[in-house]
Amino acid sequence: MTPSEIINIIRRWALKELKYYHTGVPEPALVILDYIKVMSRLTMKDMTEWQALGLMVTEYKDLAESLGISMISAAQANRSAIGIGAGQIDASLIAASDRISWYASSCSILSAKLYEEIQEEGPNNGNVKLITILSRHAEGSQMNDWLNYRFDRKNTLRFEELGSNAERLASASANMNGDK
């Protein structure tokens, strides 16, 4: 499916399903694109892959803005992202990151925690982390901060938010000092 076909499907869905407040603003809506990738040479025409990716991200972002909705998409991480700690994560780990992060409003990386991180933080602080590496409209994560999630892949494929690493550290510090 081409980006144009995807955009047309989203537009038809929006016209049929979105409800608007009297101010003309739509009720909150979220479109999730499973993956951003150039699927064929036909999609690219005379462009390089990075140009095609940049165009796709721009078209999706413009669509979301014109409809007044939010949109989330996934992109592939480079092989270098495997097995690294939170302090080493940045936009360069996203495949074709130059074009994707150049046009996106924000970029976050969802990553399994390393065994050492789970041991240090304890199992109650989840097994995955969401690290914001770019945010045009709000501050990104501070160094060594991320959102903790528990991902249950065995039974329900359920995500449960468990708070940020900064909150965990503040709570641990308060407990050590006897504060409540």
C-alpha atoms as a PDB file:
ATOM      1  CA  MET A   1       0.000   0.000   0.000  1.00  0.00           C
ATOM      2  CA  THR A   2       1.373   3.408  -0.911  1.00  0.00           C
ATOM      3  CA  PRO A   3       1.463   6.409   1.436  1.00  0.00           C
ATOM      4  CA  SER A   4      -1.223   8.075  -0.716  1.00  0.00           C
ATOM      5  CA  GLU A   5      -3.522   5.073  -0.300  1.00  0.00           C
ATOM      6  CA  ILE A   6      -2.948   5.090   3.475  1.00  0.00           C
ATOM      7  CA  ILE A   7      -3.659   8.824   3.644  1.00  0.00           C
ATOM      8  CA  ASN A   8      -6.896   8.349   1.688  1.00  0.00           C
ATOM      9  CA  ILE A   9      -8.023   5.586   4.054  1.00  0.00           C
ATOM     10  CA  ILE A  10      -7.336   7.817   7.070  1.00  0.00           C
ATOM     11  CA  ARG A  11      -9.201  10.753   5.464  1.00  0.00           C
ATOM     12  CA  ARG A  12     -12.265   8.580   4.733  1.00  0.00           C
ATOM     13  CA  TRP A  13     -12.198   7.243   8.296  1.00  0.00           C
ATOM     14  CA  ALA A  14     -11.953  10.776   9.694  1.00  0.00           C
ATOM     15  CA  LEU A  15     -14.862  12.062   7.589  1.00  0.00           C
ATOM     16  CA  LYS A  16     -17.039   9.156   8.684  1.00  0.00           C
ATOM     17  CA  GLU A  17     -16.020   8.692  12.327  1.00  0.00           C
ATOM     18  CA  LEU A  18     -14.631  11.919  13.827  1.00  0.00           C
ATOM     19  CA  LYS A  19     -16.995  13.947  15.957  1.00  0.00           C
ATOM     20  CA  TYR A  20     -16.368  17.647  16.441  1.00  0.00           C
ATOM     21  CA  TYR A  21     -16.962  20.014  19.344  1.00  0.00           C
ATOM     22  CA  HIS A  22     -18.915  23.205  18.620  1.00  0.00           C
ATOM     23  CA  THR A  23     -15.556  24.992  18.312  1.00  0.00           C
ATOM     24  CA  GLY A  24     -14.657  22.895  15.265  1.00  0.00           C
ATOM     25  CA  VAL A  25     -12.009  20.917  17.140  1.00  0.00           C
ATOM     26  CA  PRO A  26     -12.365  17.135  16.862  1.00  0.00           C
ATOM     27  CA  GLU A  27     -12.740  14.894  19.868  1.00  0.00           C
ATOM     28  CA  PRO A  28      -9.404  13.255  20.744  1.00  0.00           C
ATOM     29  CA  ALA A  29      -8.438  10.646  18.175  1.00  0.00           C
ATOM     30  CA  LEU A  30      -5.323   8.611  17.594  1.00  0.00           C
ATOM     31  CA  VAL A  31      -4.157   6.921  14.399  1.00  0.00           C
ATOM     32  CA  ILE A  32      -1.413   4.333  14.778  1.00  0.00           C
ATOM     33  CA  LEU A  33       0.710   3.477  11.761  1.00  0.00           C
ATOM     34  CA  ASP A  34       2.380   0.162  12.347  1.00  0.00           C
ATOM     35  CA  TYR A  35       5.609   0.969  10.574  1.00  0.00           C
ATOM     36  CA  ILE A  36       7.265   3.641   8.428  1.00  0.00           C
ATOM     37  CA  LYS A  37       9.228   2.095   5.598  1.00  0.00           C
ATOM     38  CA  VAL A  38       9.563   2.533   1.868  1.00  0.00           C
ATOM     39  CA  MET A  39       7.875  -0.622   0.653  1.00  0.00           C
ATOM     40  CA  SER A  40       8.849  -0.569  -3.001  1.00  0.00           C
ATOM     41  CA  ARG A  41      10.840   1.231  -5.654  1.00  0.00           C
ATOM     42  CA  LEU A  42       7.524   2.349  -7.194  1.00  0.00           C
ATOM     43  CA  THR A  43       6.802   4.389  -4.059  1.00  0.00           C
ATOM     44  CA  MET A  44      10.147   6.125  -4.350  1.00  0.00           C
ATOM     45  CA  LYS A  45       9.902   7.134  -8.048  1.00  0.00           C
ATOM     46  CA  ASP A  46      13.078   9.182  -8.637  1.00  0.00           C
ATOM     47  CA  MET A  47      13.860   9.742  -4.938  1.00  0.00           C
ATOM     48  CA  THR A  48      16.456   8.218  -2.685  1.00  0.00           C
ATOM     49  CA  GLU A  49      15.154   6.165   0.249  1.00  0.00           C
ATOM     50  CA  TRP A  50      15.845   8.937   2.757  1.00  0.00           C
ATOM     51  CA  GLN A  51      13.989  11.461   0.584  1.00  0.00           C
ATOM     52  CA  ALA A  52      10.994   9.108   0.300  1.00  0.00           C
ATOM     53  CA  LEU A  53      10.966   8.562   4.082  1.00  0.00           C
ATOM     54  CA  GLY A  54      11.122  12.304   4.697  1.00  0.00           C
ATOM     55  CA  LEU A  55       8.229  12.868   2.312  1.00  0.00           C
ATOM     56  CA  MET A  56       6.162  10.120   3.988  1.00  0.00           C
ATOM     57  CA  VAL A  57       6.705  11.532   7.469  1.00  0.00           C
ATOM     58  CA  THR A  58       5.850  15.030   6.232  1.00  0.00           C
ATOM     59  CA  GLU A  59       2.658  13.834   4.535  1.00  0.00           C
ATOM     60  CA  TYR A  60       1.513  11.911   7.613  1.00  0.00           C
ATOM     61  CA  LYS A  61       2.318  14.823   9.915  1.00  0.00           C
ATOM     62  CA  ASP A  62       0.503  17.308   7.658  1.00  0.00           C
ATOM     63  CA  LEU A  63      -2.522  14.986   7.537  1.00  0.00           C
ATOM     64  CA  ALA A  64      -2.652  14.685  11.329  1.00  0.00           C
ATOM     65  CA  GLU A  65      -2.394  18.458  11.721  1.00  0.00           C
ATOM     66  CA  SER A  66      -5.092  19.137   9.098  1.00  0.00           C
ATOM     67  CA  LEU A  67      -7.487  16.677  10.783  1.00  0.00           C
ATOM     68  CA  GLY A  68      -6.586  17.815  14.316  1.00  0.00           C
ATOM     69  CA  ILE A  69      -5.684  14.297  15.435  1.00  0.00           C
ATOM     70  CA  SER A  70      -2.642  12.568  16.890  1.00  0.00           C
ATOM     71  CA  MET A  71      -0.632   9.988  15.009  1.00  0.00           C
ATOM     72  CA  ILE A  72       1.925   7.466  16.227  1.00  0.00           C
ATOM     73  CA  SER A  73       4.162   5.330  14.072  1.00  0.00           C
ATOM     74  CA  ALA A  74       6.932   2.846  14.566  1.00  0.00           C
ATOM     75  CA  ALA A  75      10.286   2.753  12.809  1.00  0.00           C
ATOM     76  CA  GLN A  76      13.059   0.220  12.916  1.00  0.00           C
ATOM     77  CA  ALA A  77      16.069   0.616  15.174  1.00  0.00           C
ATOM     78  CA  ASN A  78      19.567   0.041  13.848  1.00  0.00           C
ATOM     79  CA  ARG A  79      21.423  -3.079  14.957  1.00  0.00           C
ATOM     80  CA  SER A  80      23.583  -0.856  17.154  1.00  0.00           C
ATOM     81  CA  ALA A  81      20.555  -0.332  19.445  1.00  0.00           C
ATOM     82  CA  ILE A  82      20.663  -3.916  20.697  1.00  0.00           C
ATOM     83  CA  GLY A  83      21.821  -4.273  24.299  1.00  0.00           C
ATOM     84  CA  ILE A  84      22.694  -0.673  25.130  1.00  0.00           C
ATOM     85  CA  GLY A  85      21.841   1.228  28.291  1.00  0.00           C
ATOM     86  CA  ALA A  86      19.474   4.198  28.566  1.00  0.00           C
ATOM     87  CA  GLY A  87      22.264   6.775  28.722  1.00  0.00           C
ATOM     88  CA  GLN A  88      23.487   5.703  25.276  1.00  0.00           C
ATOM     89  CA  ILE A  89      20.136   6.012  23.474  1.00  0.00           C
ATOM     90  CA  ASP A  90      19.699   8.843  20.980  1.00  0.00           C
ATOM     91  CA  ALA A  91      18.097   9.532  17.600  1.00  0.00           C
ATOM     92  CA  SER A  92      21.002   7.959  15.697  1.00  0.00           C
ATOM     93  CA  LEU A  93      19.715   4.518  16.708  1.00  0.00           C
ATOM     94  CA  ILE A  94      16.605   4.902  14.547  1.00  0.00           C
ATOM     95  CA  ALA A  95      17.035   3.579  11.028  1.00  0.00           C
ATOM     96  CA  ALA A  96      16.918   6.515   8.583  1.00  0.00           C
ATOM     97  CA  SER A  97      16.821   8.752  11.662  1.00  0.00           C
ATOM     98  CA  ASP A  98      17.925  11.860   9.814  1.00  0.00           C
ATOM     99  CA  ARG A  99      14.705  12.137   7.842  1.00  0.00           C
ATOM    100  CA  ILE A 100      12.317  10.631  10.359  1.00  0.00           C
ATOM    101  CA  SER A 101      13.472  12.757  13.301  1.00  0.00           C
ATOM    102  CA  TRP A 102      13.911  15.826  11.109  1.00  0.00           C
ATOM    103  CA  TYR A 103      10.200  15.965  10.288  1.00  0.00           C
ATOM    104  CA  ALA A 104       8.556  14.248  13.271  1.00  0.00           C
ATOM    105  CA  SER A 105       7.105  16.236  16.185  1.00  0.00           C
ATOM    106  CA  SER A 106       8.622  13.816  18.653  1.00  0.00           C
ATOM    107  CA  CYS A 107      10.627  10.594  18.695  1.00  0.00           C
ATOM    108  CA  SER A 108      10.724   8.059  21.489  1.00  0.00           C
ATOM    109  CA  ILE A 109      12.396   4.691  21.734  1.00  0.00           C
ATOM    110  CA  LEU A 110      10.628   1.772  23.381  1.00  0.00           C
ATOM    111  CA  SER A 111      13.295  -0.612  24.577  1.00  0.00           C
ATOM    112  CA  ALA A 112      13.505  -3.746  26.665  1.00  0.00           C
ATOM    113  CA  LYS A 113      15.461  -3.106  29.840  1.00  0.00           C
ATOM    114  CA  LEU A 114      18.792  -4.800  30.263  1.00  0.00           C
ATOM    115  CA  TYR A 115      18.995  -7.523  32.907  1.00  0.00           C
ATOM    116  CA  GLU A 116      21.267  -5.247  34.954  1.00  0.00           C
ATOM    117  CA  GLU A 117      18.692  -2.419  34.843  1.00  0.00           C
ATOM    118  CA  ILE A 118      15.917  -4.701  36.082  1.00  0.00           C
ATOM    119  CA  GLN A 119      18.182  -5.934  38.901  1.00  0.00           C
ATOM    120  CA  GLU A 120      19.133  -2.375  39.901  1.00  0.00           C
ATOM    121  CA  GLU A 121      15.617  -0.920  39.734  1.00  0.00           C
ATOM    122  CA  GLY A 122      13.737  -3.984  40.918  1.00  0.00           C
ATOM    123  CA  PRO A 123      11.062  -5.954  39.078  1.00  0.00           C
ATOM    124  CA  ASN A 124       8.288  -3.590  40.240  1.00  0.00           C
ATOM    125  CA  ASN A 125       9.703  -0.912  37.924  1.00  0.00           C
ATOM    126  CA  GLY A 126       8.921  -2.810  34.754  1.00  0.00           C
ATOM    127  CA  ASN A 127      10.781  -4.604  32.022  1.00  0.00           C
ATOM    128  CA  VAL A 128      10.591  -1.983  29.242  1.00  0.00           C
ATOM    129  CA  LYS A 129      11.300   1.745  29.052  1.00  0.00           C
ATOM    130  CA  LEU A 130      10.081   4.555  26.813  1.00  0.00           C
ATOM    131  CA  ILE A 131      12.749   7.198  26.287  1.00  0.00           C
ATOM    132  CA  THR A 132      11.818  10.478  24.579  1.00  0.00           C
ATOM    133  CA  ILE A 133      14.784  11.577  22.499  1.00  0.00           C
ATOM    134  CA  LEU A 134      13.149  14.421  20.587  1.00  0.00           C
ATOM    135  CA  SER A 135      10.147  16.575  21.393  1.00  0.00           C
ATOM    136  CA  ARG A 136       9.420  19.779  19.511  1.00  0.00           C
ATOM    137  CA  HIS A 137       6.538  20.910  21.743  1.00  0.00           C
ATOM    138  CA  ALA A 138       7.749  19.856  25.189  1.00  0.00           C
ATOM    139  CA  GLU A 139      10.973  18.984  26.916  1.00  0.00           C
ATOM    140  CA  GLY A 140      12.381  15.589  26.121  1.00  0.00           C
ATOM    141  CA  SER A 141      13.544  13.186  28.767  1.00  0.00           C
ATOM    142  CA  GLN A 142      16.358  14.301  30.998  1.00  0.00           C
ATOM    143  CA  MET A 143      19.482  12.157  30.961  1.00  0.00           C
ATOM    144  CA  ASN A 144      18.779   8.840  32.679  1.00  0.00           C
ATOM    145  CA  ASP A 145      15.016   9.429  32.757  1.00  0.00           C
ATOM    146  CA  TRP A 146      12.367   7.390  30.987  1.00  0.00           C
ATOM    147  CA  LEU A 147       8.897   6.012  31.528  1.00  0.00           C
ATOM    148  CA  ASN A 148       8.798   2.552  33.039  1.00  0.00           C
ATOM    149  CA  TYR A 149       6.362  -0.028  31.698  1.00  0.00           C
ATOM    150  CA  ARG A 150       5.628  -3.624  32.457  1.00  0.00           C
ATOM    151  CA  PHE A 151       4.992  -5.585  29.273  1.00  0.00           C
ATOM    152  CA  ASP A 152       3.247  -8.905  29.724  1.00  0.00           C
ATOM    153  CA  ARG A 153       3.944 -10.773  26.515  1.00  0.00           C
ATOM    154  CA  LYS A 154       2.934 -14.197  27.813  1.00  0.00           C
ATOM    155  CA  ASN A 155      -0.769 -13.775  28.443  1.00  0.00           C
ATOM    156  CA  THR A 156      -2.323 -10.494  27.411  1.00  0.00           C
ATOM    157  CA  LEU A 157       0.278  -8.433  25.527  1.00  0.00           C
ATOM    158  CA  ARG A 158      -0.543  -5.683  27.992  1.00  0.00           C
ATOM    159  CA  PHE A 159       1.436  -2.537  28.791  1.00  0.00           C
ATOM    160  CA  GLU A 160       1.163  -1.019  32.263  1.00  0.00           C
ATOM    161  CA  GLU A 161       2.738   2.381  32.974  1.00  0.00           C
ATOM    162  CA  LEU A 162       4.720   2.425  36.219  1.00  0.00           C
ATOM    163  CA  GLY A 163       5.967   6.044  36.363  1.00  0.00           C
ATOM    164  CA  SER A 164       9.237   7.652  35.372  1.00  0.00           C
ATOM    165  CA  ASN A 165      12.739   6.738  36.431  1.00  0.00           C
ATOM    166  CA  ALA A 166      13.098  10.207  38.007  1.00  0.00           C
ATOM    167  CA  GLU A 167      10.027   9.522  40.172  1.00  0.00           C
ATOM    168  CA  ARG A 168      11.487   6.151  41.174  1.00  0.00           C
ATOM    169  CA  LEU A 169      14.793   7.763  42.153  1.00  0.00           C
ATOM    170  CA  ALA A 170      13.045  10.555  44.103  1.00  0.00           C
ATOM    171  CA  SER A 171      10.937   8.010  45.972  1.00  0.00           C
ATOM    172  CA  ALA A 172      13.985   5.875  46.797  1.00  0.00           C
ATOM    173  CA  SER A 173      15.836   8.966  48.011  1.00  0.00           C
ATOM    174  CA  ALA A 174      12.894  10.041  50.197  1.00  0.00           C
ATOM    175  CA  ASN A 175      12.667   6.551  51.680  1.00  0.00           C
ATOM    176  CA  MET A 176      16.401   6.561  52.466  1.00  0.00           C
ATOM    177  CA  ASN A 177      16.038   9.948  54.211  1.00  0.00           C
ATOM    178  CA  GLY A 178      12.970   8.848  56.168  1.00  0.00           C
ATOM    179  CA  ASP A 179      10.634  11.239  54.278  1.00  0.00           C
ATOM    180  CA  LYS A 180       7.204  10.106  53.230  1.00  0.00           C
END
